[in-house]
């Protein structure tokens, strides 16, 4: 958010480059079984040289175990801080996949992180949330907010990652990265670079 405020409108290629780095970081985490589960703009740091860091794994999930960065309390039984109580979801609802906000309880997984990344990138590109207030079933397209937007592959990558039904959403961080790499190459080709 600070970066967007400083530079104004974000160029599509800059957004893709940030997105690729986020995907690479989370892809490595997912390879180790770690689900971030709280990816928001506040948890993405962009260094002056363009290096992107994904931070705050404070409520991450490792396979079927919840990890908290808080130390164990002596009065609690060992391991009591290592499990999320049934039905409790942690994270910012504006960036959470819709299946995490409804009954029955769904465990965070790679697809829920994919959704969060897409929300962050959509906001970075358009300065708007992809969903209208009260409607989490259909994400707006980039062109609804930016009619002159011409990078179809980027719009398709974000649209696929923002699908309401997790079975029809982009399934892995690698698949999202692949879609963003295609968008990157197409943007360069359209610009003649």
C-alpha atoms as a PDB file:
ATOM      1  CA  UNK A   1       0.000   0.000   0.000  1.00  0.00           C
ATOM      2  CA  UNK A   2       2.826   2.396   0.825  1.00  0.00           C
ATOM      3  CA  UNK A   3       4.516   1.600  -2.494  1.00  0.00           C
ATOM      4  CA  UNK A   4       1.302   2.231  -4.424  1.00  0.00           C
ATOM      5  CA  UNK A   5       0.748   5.475  -2.519  1.00  0.00           C
ATOM      6  CA  UNK A   6       4.304   6.632  -3.337  1.00  0.00           C
ATOM      7  CA  UNK A   7       4.359   5.765  -7.019  1.00  0.00           C
ATOM      8  CA  UNK A   8       0.676   6.206  -7.851  1.00  0.00           C
ATOM      9  CA  UNK A   9      -0.802   3.754 -10.341  1.00  0.00           C
ATOM     10  CA  UNK A  10       1.161   0.530 -10.517  1.00  0.00           C
ATOM     11  CA  UNK A  11       2.366  -0.616 -13.907  1.00  0.00           C
ATOM     12  CA  UNK A  12       1.116  -4.106 -14.868  1.00  0.00           C
ATOM     13  CA  UNK A  13       4.672  -5.368 -15.396  1.00  0.00           C
ATOM     14  CA  UNK A  14       5.734  -4.141 -11.941  1.00  0.00           C
ATOM     15  CA  UNK A  15       2.732  -5.900 -10.374  1.00  0.00           C
ATOM     16  CA  UNK A  16       3.609  -9.128 -12.192  1.00  0.00           C
ATOM     17  CA  UNK A  17       7.236  -8.935 -11.019  1.00  0.00           C
ATOM     18  CA  UNK A  18       6.085  -8.504  -7.415  1.00  0.00           C
ATOM     19  CA  UNK A  19       3.595 -11.338  -7.855  1.00  0.00           C
ATOM     20  CA  UNK A  20       6.239 -13.704  -9.217  1.00  0.00           C
ATOM     21  CA  UNK A  21       8.422 -13.141  -6.165  1.00  0.00           C
ATOM     22  CA  UNK A  22       5.501 -13.654  -3.772  1.00  0.00           C
ATOM     23  CA  UNK A  23       4.645 -16.885  -5.576  1.00  0.00           C
ATOM     24  CA  UNK A  24       8.232 -18.136  -5.395  1.00  0.00           C
ATOM     25  CA  UNK A  25       8.413 -17.458  -1.655  1.00  0.00           C
ATOM     26  CA  UNK A  26       5.110 -19.167  -0.924  1.00  0.00           C
ATOM     27  CA  UNK A  27       5.900 -22.012  -3.295  1.00  0.00           C
ATOM     28  CA  UNK A  28       8.958 -22.821  -1.177  1.00  0.00           C
ATOM     29  CA  UNK A  29       6.876 -22.566   2.001  1.00  0.00           C
ATOM     30  CA  UNK A  30       4.234 -24.873   0.516  1.00  0.00           C
ATOM     31  CA  UNK A  31       6.934 -27.369  -0.501  1.00  0.00           C
ATOM     32  CA  UNK A  32       7.736 -27.605   3.213  1.00  0.00           C
ATOM     33  CA  UNK A  33       4.059 -27.963   4.101  1.00  0.00           C
ATOM     34  CA  UNK A  34       3.731 -24.399   5.437  1.00  0.00           C
ATOM     35  CA  UNK A  35       0.564 -22.459   4.564  1.00  0.00           C
ATOM     36  CA  UNK A  36       0.885 -18.718   5.269  1.00  0.00           C
ATOM     37  CA  UNK A  37      -2.874 -18.209   5.824  1.00  0.00           C
ATOM     38  CA  UNK A  38      -2.620 -14.447   6.426  1.00  0.00           C
ATOM     39  CA  UNK A  39      -1.191 -12.909   3.267  1.00  0.00           C
ATOM     40  CA  UNK A  40      -2.161  -9.229   3.079  1.00  0.00           C
ATOM     41  CA  UNK A  41      -0.421  -6.144   1.659  1.00  0.00           C
ATOM     42  CA  UNK A  42       1.014  -5.567   5.144  1.00  0.00           C
ATOM     43  CA  UNK A  43       2.811  -8.909   4.929  1.00  0.00           C
ATOM     44  CA  UNK A  44       4.555  -8.152   1.644  1.00  0.00           C
ATOM     45  CA  UNK A  45       7.616  -5.941   1.842  1.00  0.00           C
ATOM     46  CA  UNK A  46       9.183  -4.475  -1.304  1.00  0.00           C
ATOM     47  CA  UNK A  47      12.776  -3.355  -0.845  1.00  0.00           C
ATOM     48  CA  UNK A  48      14.099  -0.287  -2.745  1.00  0.00           C
ATOM     49  CA  UNK A  49      16.002  -2.611  -5.109  1.00  0.00           C
ATOM     50  CA  UNK A  50      12.741  -4.449  -5.970  1.00  0.00           C
ATOM     51  CA  UNK A  51      13.369  -7.511  -3.801  1.00  0.00           C
ATOM     52  CA  UNK A  52      10.089  -8.763  -2.372  1.00  0.00           C
ATOM     53  CA  UNK A  53       9.857 -10.427   1.031  1.00  0.00           C
ATOM     54  CA  UNK A  54       6.852 -12.276   2.400  1.00  0.00           C
ATOM     55  CA  UNK A  55       6.767 -11.744   6.156  1.00  0.00           C
ATOM     56  CA  UNK A  56       4.708 -12.562   9.245  1.00  0.00           C
ATOM     57  CA  UNK A  57       4.234 -16.293   9.290  1.00  0.00           C
ATOM     58  CA  UNK A  58       2.782 -15.782  12.785  1.00  0.00           C
ATOM     59  CA  UNK A  59      -0.388 -17.781  12.121  1.00  0.00           C
ATOM     60  CA  UNK A  60       1.001 -20.179   9.551  1.00  0.00           C
ATOM     61  CA  UNK A  61      -0.206 -23.731   9.329  1.00  0.00           C
ATOM     62  CA  UNK A  62       2.141 -26.692   8.994  1.00  0.00           C
ATOM     63  CA  UNK A  63       0.242 -29.629   7.553  1.00  0.00           C
ATOM     64  CA  UNK A  64      -2.492 -30.271  10.140  1.00  0.00           C
ATOM     65  CA  UNK A  65      -0.852 -28.283  12.926  1.00  0.00           C
ATOM     66  CA  UNK A  66      -1.337 -24.650  13.860  1.00  0.00           C
ATOM     67  CA  UNK A  67       1.832 -22.795  14.859  1.00  0.00           C
ATOM     68  CA  UNK A  68       1.832 -19.665  16.933  1.00  0.00           C
ATOM     69  CA  UNK A  69       4.850 -17.453  17.388  1.00  0.00           C
ATOM     70  CA  UNK A  70       3.931 -16.980  21.044  1.00  0.00           C
ATOM     71  CA  UNK A  71       5.869 -18.957  23.610  1.00  0.00           C
ATOM     72  CA  UNK A  72       4.338 -21.854  25.502  1.00  0.00           C
ATOM     73  CA  UNK A  73       2.692 -20.852  28.762  1.00  0.00           C
ATOM     74  CA  UNK A  74       3.638 -22.919  31.796  1.00  0.00           C
ATOM     75  CA  UNK A  75       0.033 -23.350  32.944  1.00  0.00           C
ATOM     76  CA  UNK A  76      -1.057 -24.843  29.637  1.00  0.00           C
ATOM     77  CA  UNK A  77      -0.525 -28.488  28.801  1.00  0.00           C
ATOM     78  CA  UNK A  78       2.308 -29.190  26.337  1.00  0.00           C
ATOM     79  CA  UNK A  79       1.196 -28.735  22.747  1.00  0.00           C
ATOM     80  CA  UNK A  80      -1.978 -26.835  23.637  1.00  0.00           C
ATOM     81  CA  UNK A  81      -0.876 -23.864  21.512  1.00  0.00           C
ATOM     82  CA  UNK A  82      -0.188 -26.115  18.535  1.00  0.00           C
ATOM     83  CA  UNK A  83      -3.775 -26.639  17.323  1.00  0.00           C
ATOM     84  CA  UNK A  84      -6.396 -24.245  16.036  1.00  0.00           C
ATOM     85  CA  UNK A  85      -9.699 -24.932  17.805  1.00  0.00           C
ATOM     86  CA  UNK A  86     -12.321 -26.368  15.466  1.00  0.00           C
ATOM     87  CA  UNK A  87     -14.195 -23.660  13.604  1.00  0.00           C
ATOM     88  CA  UNK A  88     -11.698 -20.898  14.397  1.00  0.00           C
ATOM     89  CA  UNK A  89     -10.155 -19.119  11.426  1.00  0.00           C
ATOM     90  CA  UNK A  90      -7.270 -16.718  11.690  1.00  0.00           C
ATOM     91  CA  UNK A  91      -6.379 -14.038   9.185  1.00  0.00           C
ATOM     92  CA  UNK A  92      -7.867 -10.943   7.624  1.00  0.00           C
ATOM     93  CA  UNK A  93     -11.340 -11.709   6.184  1.00  0.00           C
ATOM     94  CA  UNK A  94     -10.802  -9.272   3.287  1.00  0.00           C
ATOM     95  CA  UNK A  95      -7.999 -11.498   1.978  1.00  0.00           C
ATOM     96  CA  UNK A  96      -9.287 -14.920   3.035  1.00  0.00           C
ATOM     97  CA  UNK A  97     -10.661 -17.405   0.542  1.00  0.00           C
ATOM     98  CA  UNK A  98     -14.460 -17.678   0.819  1.00  0.00           C
ATOM     99  CA  UNK A  99     -14.374 -21.320   1.923  1.00  0.00           C
ATOM    100  CA  UNK A 100     -12.530 -20.234   5.073  1.00  0.00           C
ATOM    101  CA  UNK A 101     -15.434 -17.980   6.032  1.00  0.00           C
ATOM    102  CA  UNK A 102     -18.260 -20.507   5.914  1.00  0.00           C
ATOM    103  CA  UNK A 103     -19.341 -23.690   7.645  1.00  0.00           C
ATOM    104  CA  UNK A 104     -18.233 -26.441   7.709  1.00  0.00           C
ATOM    105  CA  UNK A 105     -14.660 -25.705   8.764  1.00  0.00           C
ATOM    106  CA  UNK A 106     -12.107 -25.951   5.932  1.00  0.00           C
ATOM    107  CA  UNK A 107      -8.410 -26.192   6.668  1.00  0.00           C
ATOM    108  CA  UNK A 108      -6.215 -23.545   5.049  1.00  0.00           C
ATOM    109  CA  UNK A 109      -4.329 -24.981   2.082  1.00  0.00           C
ATOM    110  CA  UNK A 110      -2.372 -23.951  -1.003  1.00  0.00           C
ATOM    111  CA  UNK A 111      -5.550 -22.795  -2.784  1.00  0.00           C
ATOM    112  CA  UNK A 112      -6.443 -20.455   0.069  1.00  0.00           C
ATOM    113  CA  UNK A 113      -2.994 -18.841  -0.142  1.00  0.00           C
ATOM    114  CA  UNK A 114      -3.386 -18.581  -3.958  1.00  0.00           C
ATOM    115  CA  UNK A 115      -6.632 -16.670  -3.420  1.00  0.00           C
ATOM    116  CA  UNK A 116      -4.974 -14.253  -0.981  1.00  0.00           C
ATOM    117  CA  UNK A 117      -2.081 -13.569  -3.354  1.00  0.00           C
ATOM    118  CA  UNK A 118      -4.548 -12.772  -6.142  1.00  0.00           C
ATOM    119  CA  UNK A 119      -6.461 -10.325  -3.915  1.00  0.00           C
ATOM    120  CA  UNK A 120      -3.208  -8.537  -3.039  1.00  0.00           C
ATOM    121  CA  UNK A 121      -2.124  -8.326  -6.693  1.00  0.00           C
ATOM    122  CA  UNK A 122      -5.566  -7.191  -7.854  1.00  0.00           C
ATOM    123  CA  UNK A 123      -5.519  -4.382  -5.288  1.00  0.00           C
ATOM    124  CA  UNK A 124      -1.971  -3.430  -6.225  1.00  0.00           C
ATOM    125  CA  UNK A 125      -2.993  -3.190  -9.873  1.00  0.00           C
ATOM    126  CA  UNK A 126      -6.391  -1.475  -9.511  1.00  0.00           C
ATOM    127  CA  UNK A 127      -6.301   0.124  -6.050  1.00  0.00           C
ATOM    128  CA  UNK A 128      -9.657  -1.613  -5.404  1.00  0.00           C
ATOM    129  CA  UNK A 129     -10.757  -4.849  -3.761  1.00  0.00           C
ATOM    130  CA  UNK A 130     -11.764  -7.472  -6.350  1.00  0.00           C
ATOM    131  CA  UNK A 131     -15.147  -8.098  -4.721  1.00  0.00           C
ATOM    132  CA  UNK A 132     -18.063  -5.769  -4.243  1.00  0.00           C
ATOM    133  CA  UNK A 133     -19.237  -5.399  -0.654  1.00  0.00           C
ATOM    134  CA  UNK A 134     -21.419  -8.386   0.237  1.00  0.00           C
ATOM    135  CA  UNK A 135     -20.597 -10.387  -2.911  1.00  0.00           C
ATOM    136  CA  UNK A 136     -17.768 -12.902  -2.552  1.00  0.00           C
ATOM    137  CA  UNK A 137     -18.965 -15.173  -5.367  1.00  0.00           C
ATOM    138  CA  UNK A 138     -17.863 -13.159  -8.386  1.00  0.00           C
ATOM    139  CA  UNK A 139     -14.680 -11.151  -8.551  1.00  0.00           C
ATOM    140  CA  UNK A 140     -14.721  -8.047 -10.680  1.00  0.00           C
ATOM    141  CA  UNK A 141     -12.491  -8.136 -13.720  1.00  0.00           C
ATOM    142  CA  UNK A 142      -9.608  -5.710 -13.999  1.00  0.00           C
ATOM    143  CA  UNK A 143     -11.310  -4.150 -17.022  1.00  0.00           C
ATOM    144  CA  UNK A 144     -14.435  -3.382 -14.973  1.00  0.00           C
ATOM    145  CA  UNK A 145     -12.253  -0.977 -13.012  1.00  0.00           C
ATOM    146  CA  UNK A 146      -9.738  -0.105 -15.726  1.00  0.00           C
ATOM    147  CA  UNK A 147     -11.574  -0.223 -19.105  1.00  0.00           C
ATOM    148  CA  UNK A 148      -8.382   0.469 -21.072  1.00  0.00           C
ATOM    149  CA  UNK A 149      -6.508  -2.484 -19.519  1.00  0.00           C
ATOM    150  CA  UNK A 150      -5.045  -4.559 -22.342  1.00  0.00           C
ATOM    151  CA  UNK A 151      -3.139  -7.400 -20.693  1.00  0.00           C
ATOM    152  CA  UNK A 152      -5.581 -10.288 -21.022  1.00  0.00           C
ATOM    153  CA  UNK A 153      -3.207 -12.962 -19.681  1.00  0.00           C
ATOM    154  CA  UNK A 154      -2.722 -11.059 -16.432  1.00  0.00           C
ATOM    155  CA  UNK A 155      -6.459 -10.519 -16.064  1.00  0.00           C
ATOM    156  CA  UNK A 156      -7.065 -14.235 -16.690  1.00  0.00           C
ATOM    157  CA  UNK A 157      -4.385 -15.271 -14.180  1.00  0.00           C
ATOM    158  CA  UNK A 158      -5.978 -13.133 -11.469  1.00  0.00           C
ATOM    159  CA  UNK A 159      -9.520 -14.150 -12.409  1.00  0.00           C
ATOM    160  CA  UNK A 160      -8.702 -17.843 -12.194  1.00  0.00           C
ATOM    161  CA  UNK A 161      -7.006 -17.433  -8.809  1.00  0.00           C
ATOM    162  CA  UNK A 162     -10.013 -15.475  -7.461  1.00  0.00           C
ATOM    163  CA  UNK A 163     -12.676 -18.058  -8.268  1.00  0.00           C
ATOM    164  CA  UNK A 164     -15.180 -18.678  -5.485  1.00  0.00           C
ATOM    165  CA  UNK A 165     -15.159 -22.467  -5.892  1.00  0.00           C
ATOM    166  CA  UNK A 166     -11.777 -23.830  -4.747  1.00  0.00           C
ATOM    167  CA  UNK A 167     -12.114 -26.807  -7.107  1.00  0.00           C
ATOM    168  CA  UNK A 168     -12.152 -24.419 -10.095  1.00  0.00           C
ATOM    169  CA  UNK A 169      -9.561 -21.995  -8.706  1.00  0.00           C
ATOM    170  CA  UNK A 170      -5.856 -22.071  -9.583  1.00  0.00           C
ATOM    171  CA  UNK A 171      -4.729 -25.090  -7.564  1.00  0.00           C
ATOM    172  CA  UNK A 172      -1.122 -24.376  -6.606  1.00  0.00           C
ATOM    173  CA  UNK A 173       1.278 -21.511  -6.148  1.00  0.00           C
ATOM    174  CA  UNK A 174       3.378 -22.949  -8.985  1.00  0.00           C
ATOM    175  CA  UNK A 175       0.342 -22.812 -11.301  1.00  0.00           C
ATOM    176  CA  UNK A 176      -0.244 -19.169 -10.340  1.00  0.00           C
ATOM    177  CA  UNK A 177       3.449 -18.430 -10.906  1.00  0.00           C
ATOM    178  CA  UNK A 178       3.266 -20.119 -14.332  1.00  0.00           C
ATOM    179  CA  UNK A 179       0.245 -17.966 -15.253  1.00  0.00           C
ATOM    180  CA  UNK A 180       2.052 -14.822 -14.095  1.00  0.00           C
ATOM    181  CA  UNK A 181       5.169 -15.791 -16.076  1.00  0.00           C
ATOM    182  CA  UNK A 182       2.994 -16.104 -19.192  1.00  0.00           C
ATOM    183  CA  UNK A 183       1.479 -12.693 -18.424  1.00  0.00           C
ATOM    184  CA  UNK A 184       5.005 -11.281 -17.955  1.00  0.00           C
ATOM    185  CA  UNK A 185       6.150 -12.572 -21.336  1.00  0.00           C
ATOM    186  CA  UNK A 186       2.972 -11.359 -23.078  1.00  0.00           C
ATOM    187  CA  UNK A 187       3.287  -7.877 -21.565  1.00  0.00           C
ATOM    188  CA  UNK A 188       6.881  -7.650 -22.814  1.00  0.00           C
ATOM    189  CA  UNK A 189       5.806  -8.883 -26.270  1.00  0.00           C
ATOM    190  CA  UNK A 190       2.931  -6.383 -26.463  1.00  0.00           C
ATOM    191  CA  UNK A 191       5.305  -3.585 -25.549  1.00  0.00           C
ATOM    192  CA  UNK A 192       7.884  -4.767 -28.087  1.00  0.00           C
ATOM    193  CA  UNK A 193      10.531  -5.414 -25.435  1.00  0.00           C
END
